[in-house]
Amino acid sequence: MSQTKPGGGNLPQLYNPENGKYTDEEKNKLFEKELANIVMRYMFGQTNTYHPRYPIYGFHNKEYCELYVKHAIYQANSDLPAEKVKDYLLKPKQKDDKSHFFNVHGFNLSNWEKLLTAILSHTDYSQIEYDQLTEFGLFVTVPTTINSLYSGKKITFFTIWRYDQKDQWMHFVTVDLGKRSIEK
């Protein structure tokens, strides 16, 4: 049976009273916190975190980005300009046309605000996936589920966002209407 005792920062931490050691659950929690601080401090230059006790070798760019996504991006604000919805998602194009998909589900230039609102309010950042880190920011893929205006069924597709560490905003890039998009 686990008990609590004052730990780092005088915060209560779980330990096993038989051997006086932290429980595996508590060790995992501490390890996760340590990794989050390494990501924020070393990869993204944030100095308002405590200094990690040790660097963890063997981690790659992708793992650090995934940790950052898990610990920091969920607090970010989202930016989806009206022009992106009207001119990019709903206006027909010769190549890489996305308007047909949205038109089939009742979204068009006359009601573009509904699509903008649906994407911003139904993008599930808790399911975020790391894509790549570039000089322009961290690119992530996020599932978005909205209701079809015609059938009322749920439509899931993936939105691509660029997280900018400087302004701490998620900037909309595009939608992925590939094989992963489904209707339920």
N, C-alpha and C. Protein backbone atom coordinates (compact mmCIF):
# COMPACT_ATOMS: atom_id res chain seq x y z
N MET A 1 0.84 -1.18 0.00
CA MET A 1 0.00 0.00 0.00
C MET A 1 0.89 1.24 0.00
N SER A 2 0.58 2.18 -0.87
CA SER A 2 1.37 3.40 -0.99
C SER A 2 0.93 4.44 0.04
N GLN A 3 1.90 5.24 0.46
CA GLN A 3 1.64 6.36 1.35
C GLN A 3 2.29 7.59 0.73
N THR A 4 2.00 8.75 1.29
CA THR A 4 2.62 9.96 0.78
C THR A 4 3.61 10.51 1.80
N LYS A 5 4.62 11.18 1.27
CA LYS A 5 5.59 11.89 2.11
C LYS A 5 6.03 13.12 1.34
N PRO A 6 6.55 14.14 2.04
CA PRO A 6 7.01 15.32 1.32
C PRO A 6 8.19 14.96 0.41
N GLY A 7 8.10 15.42 -0.81
CA GLY A 7 9.18 15.17 -1.77
C GLY A 7 9.76 16.48 -2.24
N GLY A 8 10.24 16.50 -3.49
CA GLY A 8 10.81 17.70 -4.07
C GLY A 8 9.84 18.87 -4.02
N GLY A 9 10.32 20.03 -3.60
CA GLY A 9 9.46 21.20 -3.48
C GLY A 9 8.46 21.06 -2.35
N ASN A 10 8.70 20.09 -1.46
CA ASN A 10 7.83 19.80 -0.33
C ASN A 10 6.42 19.38 -0.78
N LEU A 11 6.32 18.86 -2.00
CA LEU A 11 5.03 18.38 -2.51
C LEU A 11 4.85 16.92 -2.10
N PRO A 12 3.60 16.50 -1.86
CA PRO A 12 3.39 15.11 -1.47
C PRO A 12 3.71 14.17 -2.65
N GLN A 13 4.42 13.09 -2.34
CA GLN A 13 4.76 12.10 -3.35
C GLN A 13 4.50 10.71 -2.78
N LEU A 14 4.10 9.79 -3.65
CA LEU A 14 3.79 8.42 -3.23
C LEU A 14 5.08 7.63 -2.99
N TYR A 15 5.08 6.83 -1.93
CA TYR A 15 6.22 5.96 -1.68
C TYR A 15 5.72 4.67 -1.05
N ASN A 16 6.55 3.66 -1.13
CA ASN A 16 6.24 2.36 -0.55
C ASN A 16 6.80 2.35 0.87
N PRO A 17 5.96 2.23 1.91
CA PRO A 17 6.46 2.31 3.28
C PRO A 17 7.34 1.13 3.67
N GLU A 18 7.25 0.01 2.95
CA GLU A 18 8.08 -1.15 3.28
C GLU A 18 9.55 -0.92 2.96
N ASN A 19 9.81 -0.23 1.83
CA ASN A 19 11.22 -0.01 1.47
C ASN A 19 11.59 1.47 1.40
N GLY A 20 10.64 2.37 1.59
CA GLY A 20 10.91 3.80 1.60
C GLY A 20 11.17 4.41 0.23
N LYS A 21 10.99 3.63 -0.85
CA LYS A 21 11.26 4.13 -2.19
C LYS A 21 9.97 4.62 -2.85
N TYR A 22 10.17 5.50 -3.83
CA TYR A 22 9.02 5.97 -4.60
C TYR A 22 8.39 4.82 -5.36
N THR A 23 7.08 4.87 -5.52
CA THR A 23 6.39 3.85 -6.30
C THR A 23 6.71 4.05 -7.79
N ASP A 24 6.49 3.01 -8.57
CA ASP A 24 6.71 3.11 -10.02
C ASP A 24 5.83 4.21 -10.62
N GLU A 25 4.62 4.32 -10.12
CA GLU A 25 3.70 5.36 -10.61
C GLU A 25 4.30 6.75 -10.36
N GLU A 26 4.86 6.95 -9.18
CA GLU A 26 5.45 8.24 -8.83
C GLU A 26 6.72 8.49 -9.65
N LYS A 27 7.53 7.44 -9.85
CA LYS A 27 8.74 7.59 -10.67
C LYS A 27 8.38 7.99 -12.09
N ASN A 28 7.35 7.38 -12.66
CA ASN A 28 6.92 7.72 -14.02
C ASN A 28 6.44 9.16 -14.10
N LYS A 29 5.71 9.59 -13.06
CA LYS A 29 5.23 10.97 -13.02
C LYS A 29 6.41 11.96 -12.96
N LEU A 30 7.40 11.65 -12.12
CA LEU A 30 8.58 12.50 -12.01
C LEU A 30 9.37 12.51 -13.31
N PHE A 31 9.51 11.34 -13.94
CA PHE A 31 10.24 11.22 -15.20
C PHE A 31 9.56 12.04 -16.28
N GLU A 32 8.24 11.95 -16.35
CA GLU A 32 7.47 12.71 -17.33
C GLU A 32 7.66 14.21 -17.13
N LYS A 33 7.63 14.65 -15.87
CA LYS A 33 7.82 16.07 -15.57
C LYS A 33 9.23 16.50 -15.96
N GLU A 34 10.20 15.64 -15.69
CA GLU A 34 11.59 15.93 -16.04
C GLU A 34 11.73 16.08 -17.56
N LEU A 35 11.14 15.18 -18.32
CA LEU A 35 11.20 15.25 -19.78
C LEU A 35 10.54 16.52 -20.30
N ALA A 36 9.40 16.87 -19.73
CA ALA A 36 8.71 18.08 -20.16
C ALA A 36 9.58 19.30 -19.95
N ASN A 37 10.28 19.35 -18.82
CA ASN A 37 11.15 20.49 -18.55
C ASN A 37 12.36 20.52 -19.46
N ILE A 38 12.89 19.35 -19.80
CA ILE A 38 14.01 19.31 -20.74
C ILE A 38 13.56 19.87 -22.08
N VAL A 39 12.40 19.45 -22.52
CA VAL A 39 11.88 19.94 -23.80
C VAL A 39 11.72 21.45 -23.77
N MET A 40 11.06 21.95 -22.76
CA MET A 40 10.77 23.38 -22.71
C MET A 40 12.04 24.21 -22.55
N ARG A 41 12.97 23.73 -21.76
CA ARG A 41 14.17 24.50 -21.46
C ARG A 41 15.18 24.44 -22.60
N TYR A 42 15.48 23.24 -23.07
CA TYR A 42 16.56 23.08 -24.03
C TYR A 42 16.13 23.21 -25.48
N MET A 43 14.95 22.72 -25.80
CA MET A 43 14.55 22.77 -27.19
C MET A 43 13.88 24.09 -27.53
N PHE A 44 13.12 24.63 -26.59
CA PHE A 44 12.35 25.83 -26.89
C PHE A 44 12.78 27.04 -26.08
N GLY A 45 13.85 26.91 -25.29
CA GLY A 45 14.46 28.05 -24.64
C GLY A 45 13.66 28.70 -23.53
N GLN A 46 12.68 28.02 -22.99
CA GLN A 46 11.93 28.62 -21.89
C GLN A 46 12.75 28.54 -20.61
N THR A 47 12.84 29.64 -19.92
CA THR A 47 13.67 29.68 -18.72
C THR A 47 12.84 29.71 -17.44
N ASN A 48 11.53 29.72 -17.56
CA ASN A 48 10.69 29.78 -16.36
C ASN A 48 10.40 28.39 -15.79
N THR A 49 11.15 27.37 -16.21
CA THR A 49 11.00 26.03 -15.68
C THR A 49 12.19 25.75 -14.78
N TYR A 50 12.05 24.77 -13.89
CA TYR A 50 13.20 24.43 -13.06
C TYR A 50 14.25 23.72 -13.92
N HIS A 51 15.47 23.77 -13.49
CA HIS A 51 16.56 23.17 -14.27
C HIS A 51 16.53 21.66 -14.07
N PRO A 52 16.40 20.89 -15.14
CA PRO A 52 16.37 19.42 -14.99
C PRO A 52 17.65 18.90 -14.35
N ARG A 53 17.55 17.81 -13.63
CA ARG A 53 18.70 17.26 -12.92
C ARG A 53 19.69 16.60 -13.86
N TYR A 54 19.21 16.09 -14.98
CA TYR A 54 20.11 15.41 -15.90
C TYR A 54 19.55 15.45 -17.31
N PRO A 55 20.42 15.48 -18.31
CA PRO A 55 19.90 15.35 -19.68
C PRO A 55 19.63 13.88 -19.96
N ILE A 56 18.71 13.62 -20.80
CA ILE A 56 18.39 12.25 -21.15
C ILE A 56 18.89 12.00 -22.56
N TYR A 57 19.88 11.15 -22.66
CA TYR A 57 20.49 10.88 -23.95
C TYR A 57 19.68 9.82 -24.69
N GLY A 58 19.80 9.80 -26.00
CA GLY A 58 19.08 8.81 -26.79
C GLY A 58 17.73 9.28 -27.26
N PHE A 59 17.33 10.48 -26.85
CA PHE A 59 16.08 11.03 -27.34
C PHE A 59 16.35 11.74 -28.66
N HIS A 60 15.42 11.62 -29.56
CA HIS A 60 15.56 12.25 -30.87
C HIS A 60 14.60 13.42 -30.98
N ASN A 61 14.81 14.24 -31.99
CA ASN A 61 13.99 15.40 -32.27
C ASN A 61 12.50 15.07 -32.18
N LYS A 62 12.08 13.97 -32.77
CA LYS A 62 10.67 13.60 -32.81
C LYS A 62 10.11 13.40 -31.40
N GLU A 63 10.85 12.69 -30.56
CA GLU A 63 10.36 12.45 -29.20
C GLU A 63 10.25 13.75 -28.40
N TYR A 64 11.24 14.64 -28.57
CA TYR A 64 11.17 15.92 -27.87
C TYR A 64 9.96 16.72 -28.35
N CYS A 65 9.73 16.72 -29.64
CA CYS A 65 8.58 17.45 -30.17
C CYS A 65 7.27 16.87 -29.66
N GLU A 66 7.19 15.54 -29.63
CA GLU A 66 5.97 14.91 -29.13
C GLU A 66 5.73 15.28 -27.67
N LEU A 67 6.79 15.32 -26.88
CA LEU A 67 6.65 15.71 -25.49
C LEU A 67 6.21 17.17 -25.37
N TYR A 68 6.79 18.01 -26.20
CA TYR A 68 6.41 19.42 -26.16
C TYR A 68 4.94 19.58 -26.52
N VAL A 69 4.53 18.85 -27.55
CA VAL A 69 3.13 18.88 -27.96
C VAL A 69 2.24 18.47 -26.79
N LYS A 70 2.62 17.41 -26.12
CA LYS A 70 1.81 16.88 -25.02
C LYS A 70 1.73 17.86 -23.85
N HIS A 71 2.83 18.56 -23.58
CA HIS A 71 2.87 19.38 -22.37
C HIS A 71 2.61 20.85 -22.57
N ALA A 72 2.72 21.35 -23.78
CA ALA A 72 2.64 22.80 -23.95
C ALA A 72 1.60 23.27 -24.95
N ILE A 73 1.43 22.58 -26.05
CA ILE A 73 0.61 23.11 -27.13
C ILE A 73 -0.88 23.14 -26.78
N TYR A 74 -1.34 22.26 -25.91
CA TYR A 74 -2.77 22.24 -25.60
C TYR A 74 -3.25 23.60 -25.06
N GLN A 75 -2.34 24.45 -24.62
CA GLN A 75 -2.72 25.76 -24.10
C GLN A 75 -2.75 26.83 -25.18
N ALA A 76 -2.32 26.48 -26.39
CA ALA A 76 -2.18 27.48 -27.45
C ALA A 76 -3.53 27.92 -28.01
N ASN A 77 -3.55 29.13 -28.53
CA ASN A 77 -4.72 29.63 -29.25
C ASN A 77 -4.60 29.24 -30.72
N SER A 78 -5.74 29.15 -31.41
CA SER A 78 -5.74 28.75 -32.81
C SER A 78 -6.06 29.92 -33.71
N ASP A 79 -5.41 29.92 -34.87
CA ASP A 79 -5.60 30.99 -35.84
C ASP A 79 -6.00 30.38 -37.18
N LEU A 80 -7.22 30.65 -37.61
CA LEU A 80 -7.71 30.20 -38.92
C LEU A 80 -8.33 31.42 -39.59
N PRO A 81 -7.56 32.11 -40.44
CA PRO A 81 -8.07 33.32 -41.09
C PRO A 81 -9.25 33.02 -42.02
N ALA A 82 -10.18 33.94 -42.10
CA ALA A 82 -11.35 33.80 -42.97
C ALA A 82 -10.93 33.55 -44.42
N GLU A 83 -9.85 34.20 -44.86
CA GLU A 83 -9.38 34.03 -46.24
C GLU A 83 -8.98 32.59 -46.52
N LYS A 84 -8.41 31.91 -45.53
CA LYS A 84 -8.02 30.51 -45.72
C LYS A 84 -9.25 29.65 -45.98
N VAL A 85 -10.31 29.92 -45.25
CA VAL A 85 -11.54 29.15 -45.42
C VAL A 85 -12.17 29.46 -46.78
N LYS A 86 -12.33 30.74 -47.08
CA LYS A 86 -13.00 31.13 -48.32
C LYS A 86 -12.16 30.82 -49.56
N ASP A 87 -10.91 31.25 -49.58
CA ASP A 87 -10.09 31.14 -50.79
C ASP A 87 -9.37 29.81 -50.93
N TYR A 88 -9.16 29.10 -49.84
CA TYR A 88 -8.37 27.88 -49.92
C TYR A 88 -9.22 26.61 -49.77
N LEU A 89 -10.15 26.63 -48.81
CA LEU A 89 -10.95 25.42 -48.58
C LEU A 89 -12.23 25.37 -49.41
N LEU A 90 -12.84 26.51 -49.69
CA LEU A 90 -14.15 26.50 -50.34
C LEU A 90 -14.16 26.98 -51.79
N LYS A 91 -13.10 27.56 -52.26
CA LYS A 91 -13.06 28.02 -53.66
C LYS A 91 -12.50 26.90 -54.53
N PRO A 92 -13.22 26.49 -55.60
CA PRO A 92 -12.74 25.40 -56.47
C PRO A 92 -11.38 25.74 -57.10
N LYS A 93 -10.55 24.68 -57.22
CA LYS A 93 -9.22 24.84 -57.81
C LYS A 93 -8.97 23.70 -58.79
N GLN A 94 -8.05 23.92 -59.71
CA GLN A 94 -7.67 22.88 -60.67
C GLN A 94 -6.91 21.76 -59.98
N LYS A 95 -6.02 22.13 -59.06
CA LYS A 95 -5.16 21.15 -58.39
C LYS A 95 -5.39 21.21 -56.89
N ASP A 96 -5.42 20.05 -56.26
CA ASP A 96 -5.57 19.95 -54.80
C ASP A 96 -6.84 20.67 -54.31
N ASP A 97 -7.95 20.40 -55.00
CA ASP A 97 -9.22 21.04 -54.67
C ASP A 97 -9.83 20.41 -53.41
N LYS A 98 -10.14 21.22 -52.44
CA LYS A 98 -10.75 20.75 -51.20
C LYS A 98 -12.22 21.15 -51.13
N SER A 99 -12.61 22.06 -52.01
CA SER A 99 -13.97 22.61 -51.96
C SER A 99 -15.04 21.54 -52.20
N HIS A 100 -14.76 20.58 -53.08
CA HIS A 100 -15.76 19.55 -53.38
C HIS A 100 -16.14 18.76 -52.12
N PHE A 101 -15.14 18.38 -51.35
CA PHE A 101 -15.38 17.64 -50.10
C PHE A 101 -16.32 18.42 -49.18
N PHE A 102 -16.02 19.70 -48.99
CA PHE A 102 -16.83 20.50 -48.08
C PHE A 102 -18.20 20.83 -48.67
N ASN A 103 -18.28 21.04 -49.99
CA ASN A 103 -19.56 21.30 -50.67
C ASN A 103 -20.51 20.11 -50.53
N VAL A 104 -19.99 18.91 -50.64
CA VAL A 104 -20.80 17.69 -50.50
C VAL A 104 -21.46 17.65 -49.12
N HIS A 105 -20.83 18.25 -48.16
CA HIS A 105 -21.35 18.25 -46.79
C HIS A 105 -22.04 19.56 -46.41
N GLY A 106 -22.33 20.40 -47.40
CA GLY A 106 -23.14 21.59 -47.16
C GLY A 106 -22.39 22.87 -46.88
N PHE A 107 -21.07 22.83 -46.91
CA PHE A 107 -20.28 24.04 -46.65
C PHE A 107 -19.90 24.67 -47.99
N ASN A 108 -20.16 25.97 -48.13
CA ASN A 108 -19.83 26.67 -49.37
C ASN A 108 -19.51 28.13 -49.06
N LEU A 109 -19.25 28.92 -50.08
CA LEU A 109 -18.85 30.31 -49.87
C LEU A 109 -19.93 31.15 -49.20
N SER A 110 -21.19 30.76 -49.35
CA SER A 110 -22.26 31.55 -48.73
C SER A 110 -22.37 31.31 -47.22
N ASN A 111 -21.82 30.21 -46.73
CA ASN A 111 -21.89 29.95 -45.28
C ASN A 111 -20.50 29.59 -44.72
N TRP A 112 -19.47 30.21 -45.25
CA TRP A 112 -18.10 29.90 -44.87
C TRP A 112 -17.85 30.03 -43.37
N GLU A 113 -18.58 30.92 -42.69
CA GLU A 113 -18.40 31.12 -41.25
C GLU A 113 -18.68 29.83 -40.47
N LYS A 114 -19.65 29.04 -40.97
CA LYS A 114 -19.98 27.79 -40.28
C LYS A 114 -18.81 26.81 -40.32
N LEU A 115 -18.11 26.76 -41.45
CA LEU A 115 -16.95 25.87 -41.54
C LEU A 115 -15.82 26.37 -40.64
N LEU A 116 -15.57 27.65 -40.66
CA LEU A 116 -14.53 28.23 -39.81
C LEU A 116 -14.82 27.91 -38.34
N THR A 117 -16.03 28.16 -37.91
CA THR A 117 -16.41 27.90 -36.51
C THR A 117 -16.31 26.42 -36.19
N ALA A 118 -16.76 25.56 -37.11
CA ALA A 118 -16.73 24.12 -36.87
C ALA A 118 -15.29 23.62 -36.70
N ILE A 119 -14.40 24.08 -37.57
CA ILE A 119 -13.01 23.63 -37.47
C ILE A 119 -12.37 24.12 -36.17
N LEU A 120 -12.55 25.38 -35.85
CA LEU A 120 -11.95 25.92 -34.62
C LEU A 120 -12.51 25.29 -33.36
N SER A 121 -13.79 24.98 -33.35
CA SER A 121 -14.38 24.45 -32.12
C SER A 121 -14.32 22.92 -32.01
N HIS A 122 -14.02 22.23 -33.11
CA HIS A 122 -14.03 20.75 -33.05
C HIS A 122 -12.70 20.11 -33.42
N THR A 123 -11.62 20.87 -33.36
CA THR A 123 -10.30 20.29 -33.55
C THR A 123 -9.83 19.78 -32.20
N ASP A 124 -9.53 18.48 -32.12
CA ASP A 124 -9.24 17.81 -30.85
C ASP A 124 -7.74 17.79 -30.58
N TYR A 125 -7.23 18.84 -29.93
CA TYR A 125 -5.80 18.95 -29.68
C TYR A 125 -5.27 17.89 -28.72
N SER A 126 -6.16 17.19 -28.01
CA SER A 126 -5.67 16.12 -27.13
C SER A 126 -5.18 14.93 -27.96
N GLN A 127 -5.55 14.88 -29.24
CA GLN A 127 -5.14 13.77 -30.12
C GLN A 127 -4.06 14.20 -31.12
N ILE A 128 -3.35 15.25 -30.81
CA ILE A 128 -2.37 15.84 -31.70
C ILE A 128 -1.23 14.86 -32.04
N GLU A 129 -0.76 14.91 -33.27
CA GLU A 129 0.36 14.07 -33.71
C GLU A 129 1.46 14.98 -34.24
N TYR A 130 2.68 14.64 -33.89
CA TYR A 130 3.84 15.38 -34.38
C TYR A 130 4.02 15.12 -35.87
N ASP A 131 4.35 16.14 -36.63
CA ASP A 131 4.64 16.00 -38.05
C ASP A 131 6.12 16.28 -38.29
N GLN A 132 6.52 17.53 -38.12
CA GLN A 132 7.93 17.88 -38.31
C GLN A 132 8.25 19.22 -37.67
N LEU A 133 9.52 19.41 -37.35
CA LEU A 133 9.99 20.68 -36.82
C LEU A 133 10.85 21.32 -37.89
N THR A 134 10.52 22.55 -38.27
CA THR A 134 11.30 23.27 -39.27
C THR A 134 11.64 24.65 -38.71
N GLU A 135 12.36 25.43 -39.50
CA GLU A 135 12.67 26.80 -39.06
C GLU A 135 11.41 27.66 -38.97
N PHE A 136 10.30 27.19 -39.56
CA PHE A 136 9.05 27.95 -39.53
C PHE A 136 8.18 27.59 -38.33
N GLY A 137 8.54 26.54 -37.60
CA GLY A 137 7.78 26.13 -36.44
C GLY A 137 7.57 24.63 -36.42
N LEU A 138 6.78 24.19 -35.47
CA LEU A 138 6.46 22.79 -35.27
C LEU A 138 5.15 22.49 -35.99
N PHE A 139 5.17 21.55 -36.93
CA PHE A 139 3.98 21.19 -37.68
C PHE A 139 3.36 19.95 -37.06
N VAL A 140 2.04 20.01 -36.86
CA VAL A 140 1.32 18.90 -36.24
C VAL A 140 0.06 18.58 -37.03
N THR A 141 -0.42 17.35 -36.87
CA THR A 141 -1.65 16.89 -37.49
C THR A 141 -2.65 16.64 -36.38
N VAL A 142 -3.88 17.12 -36.56
CA VAL A 142 -4.89 17.01 -35.50
C VAL A 142 -6.21 16.54 -36.10
N PRO A 143 -6.86 15.54 -35.48
CA PRO A 143 -8.17 15.14 -35.98
C PRO A 143 -9.22 16.22 -35.71
N THR A 144 -10.08 16.42 -36.69
CA THR A 144 -11.17 17.39 -36.56
C THR A 144 -12.45 16.67 -36.98
N THR A 145 -13.46 16.71 -36.13
CA THR A 145 -14.73 16.05 -36.42
C THR A 145 -15.83 17.10 -36.40
N ILE A 146 -16.49 17.27 -37.55
CA ILE A 146 -17.59 18.23 -37.65
C ILE A 146 -18.82 17.50 -38.18
N ASN A 147 -19.97 18.13 -38.06
CA ASN A 147 -21.20 17.55 -38.58
C ASN A 147 -21.47 18.03 -39.99
N SER A 148 -21.87 17.11 -40.86
CA SER A 148 -22.29 17.46 -42.21
C SER A 148 -23.56 18.30 -42.11
N LEU A 149 -23.62 19.39 -42.85
CA LEU A 149 -24.83 20.21 -42.83
C LEU A 149 -25.98 19.53 -43.56
N TYR A 150 -25.67 18.60 -44.47
CA TYR A 150 -26.71 17.88 -45.22
C TYR A 150 -27.22 16.66 -44.48
N SER A 151 -26.31 15.76 -44.11
CA SER A 151 -26.73 14.49 -43.51
C SER A 151 -26.75 14.52 -41.99
N GLY A 152 -26.05 15.45 -41.39
CA GLY A 152 -25.95 15.50 -39.93
C GLY A 152 -24.95 14.50 -39.38
N LYS A 153 -24.39 13.66 -40.25
CA LYS A 153 -23.40 12.69 -39.80
C LYS A 153 -22.09 13.39 -39.47
N LYS A 154 -21.32 12.72 -38.61
CA LYS A 154 -20.01 13.25 -38.23
C LYS A 154 -19.00 12.96 -39.34
N ILE A 155 -18.20 13.96 -39.68
CA ILE A 155 -17.16 13.83 -40.68
C ILE A 155 -15.84 14.09 -39.97
N THR A 156 -14.91 13.14 -40.07
CA THR A 156 -13.60 13.32 -39.47
C THR A 156 -12.56 13.47 -40.56
N PHE A 157 -11.77 14.50 -40.44
CA PHE A 157 -10.63 14.71 -41.33
C PHE A 157 -9.51 15.26 -40.47
N PHE A 158 -8.34 15.42 -41.05
CA PHE A 158 -7.19 15.87 -40.28
C PHE A 158 -6.78 17.27 -40.72
N THR A 159 -6.58 18.12 -39.74
CA THR A 159 -6.10 19.47 -40.02
C THR A 159 -4.62 19.53 -39.68
N ILE A 160 -3.89 20.29 -40.47
CA ILE A 160 -2.46 20.48 -40.24
C ILE A 160 -2.27 21.90 -39.72
N TRP A 161 -1.51 22.01 -38.65
CA TRP A 161 -1.28 23.29 -37.99
C TRP A 161 0.22 23.50 -37.82
N ARG A 162 0.61 24.75 -37.74
CA ARG A 162 1.99 25.12 -37.44
C ARG A 162 1.99 25.87 -36.12
N TYR A 163 2.69 25.31 -35.15
CA TYR A 163 2.80 25.97 -33.86
C TYR A 163 4.02 26.89 -33.89
N ASP A 164 3.79 28.16 -33.58
CA ASP A 164 4.86 29.14 -33.56
C ASP A 164 5.20 29.44 -32.11
N GLN A 165 6.39 29.06 -31.69
CA GLN A 165 6.82 29.26 -30.31
C GLN A 165 6.84 30.73 -29.92
N LYS A 166 7.15 31.61 -30.88
CA LYS A 166 7.27 33.04 -30.57
C LYS A 166 5.94 33.63 -30.11
N ASP A 167 4.88 33.37 -30.86
CA ASP A 167 3.58 33.94 -30.47
C ASP A 167 2.69 32.93 -29.75
N GLN A 168 3.14 31.67 -29.65
CA GLN A 168 2.42 30.59 -28.98
C GLN A 168 1.02 30.40 -29.54
N TRP A 169 0.90 30.44 -30.86
CA TRP A 169 -0.37 30.22 -31.53
C TRP A 169 -0.25 29.04 -32.47
N MET A 170 -1.36 28.35 -32.67
CA MET A 170 -1.47 27.30 -33.68
C MET A 170 -2.02 27.98 -34.93
N HIS A 171 -1.24 27.99 -36.01
CA HIS A 171 -1.65 28.61 -37.26
C HIS A 171 -2.09 27.52 -38.24
N PHE A 172 -3.29 27.64 -38.75
CA PHE A 172 -3.83 26.66 -39.69
C PHE A 172 -2.98 26.64 -40.96
N VAL A 173 -2.68 25.43 -41.46
CA VAL A 173 -1.93 25.27 -42.69
C VAL A 173 -2.81 24.68 -43.78
N THR A 174 -3.41 23.51 -43.52
CA THR A 174 -4.22 22.85 -44.54
C THR A 174 -5.06 21.74 -43.90
N VAL A 175 -5.82 21.03 -44.72
CA VAL A 175 -6.54 19.84 -44.28
C VAL A 175 -6.02 18.66 -45.08
N ASP A 176 -6.03 17.50 -44.43
CA ASP A 176 -5.65 16.26 -45.08
C ASP A 176 -6.95 15.49 -45.33
N LEU A 177 -7.35 15.41 -46.58
CA LEU A 177 -8.59 14.73 -46.94
C LEU A 177 -8.30 13.35 -47.54
N GLY A 178 -7.15 12.82 -47.21
CA GLY A 178 -6.73 11.52 -47.74
C GLY A 178 -7.52 10.37 -47.16
N LYS A 179 -6.90 9.22 -47.16
CA LYS A 179 -7.56 7.98 -46.74
C LYS A 179 -8.08 8.04 -45.32
N ARG A 180 -7.50 8.89 -44.50
CA ARG A 180 -7.89 8.92 -43.08
C ARG A 180 -9.19 9.67 -42.84
N SER A 181 -9.73 10.36 -43.81
CA SER A 181 -10.98 11.11 -43.61
C SER A 181 -12.15 10.13 -43.69
N ILE A 182 -13.06 10.22 -42.71
CA ILE A 182 -14.17 9.26 -42.68
C ILE A 182 -15.47 9.97 -42.33
N GLU A 183 -16.57 9.31 -42.69
CA GLU A 183 -17.91 9.81 -42.34
C GLU A 183 -18.60 8.76 -41.52
N LYS A 184 -19.22 9.14 -40.40
CA LYS A 184 -19.92 8.18 -39.52
C LYS A 184 -21.36 8.57 -39.38
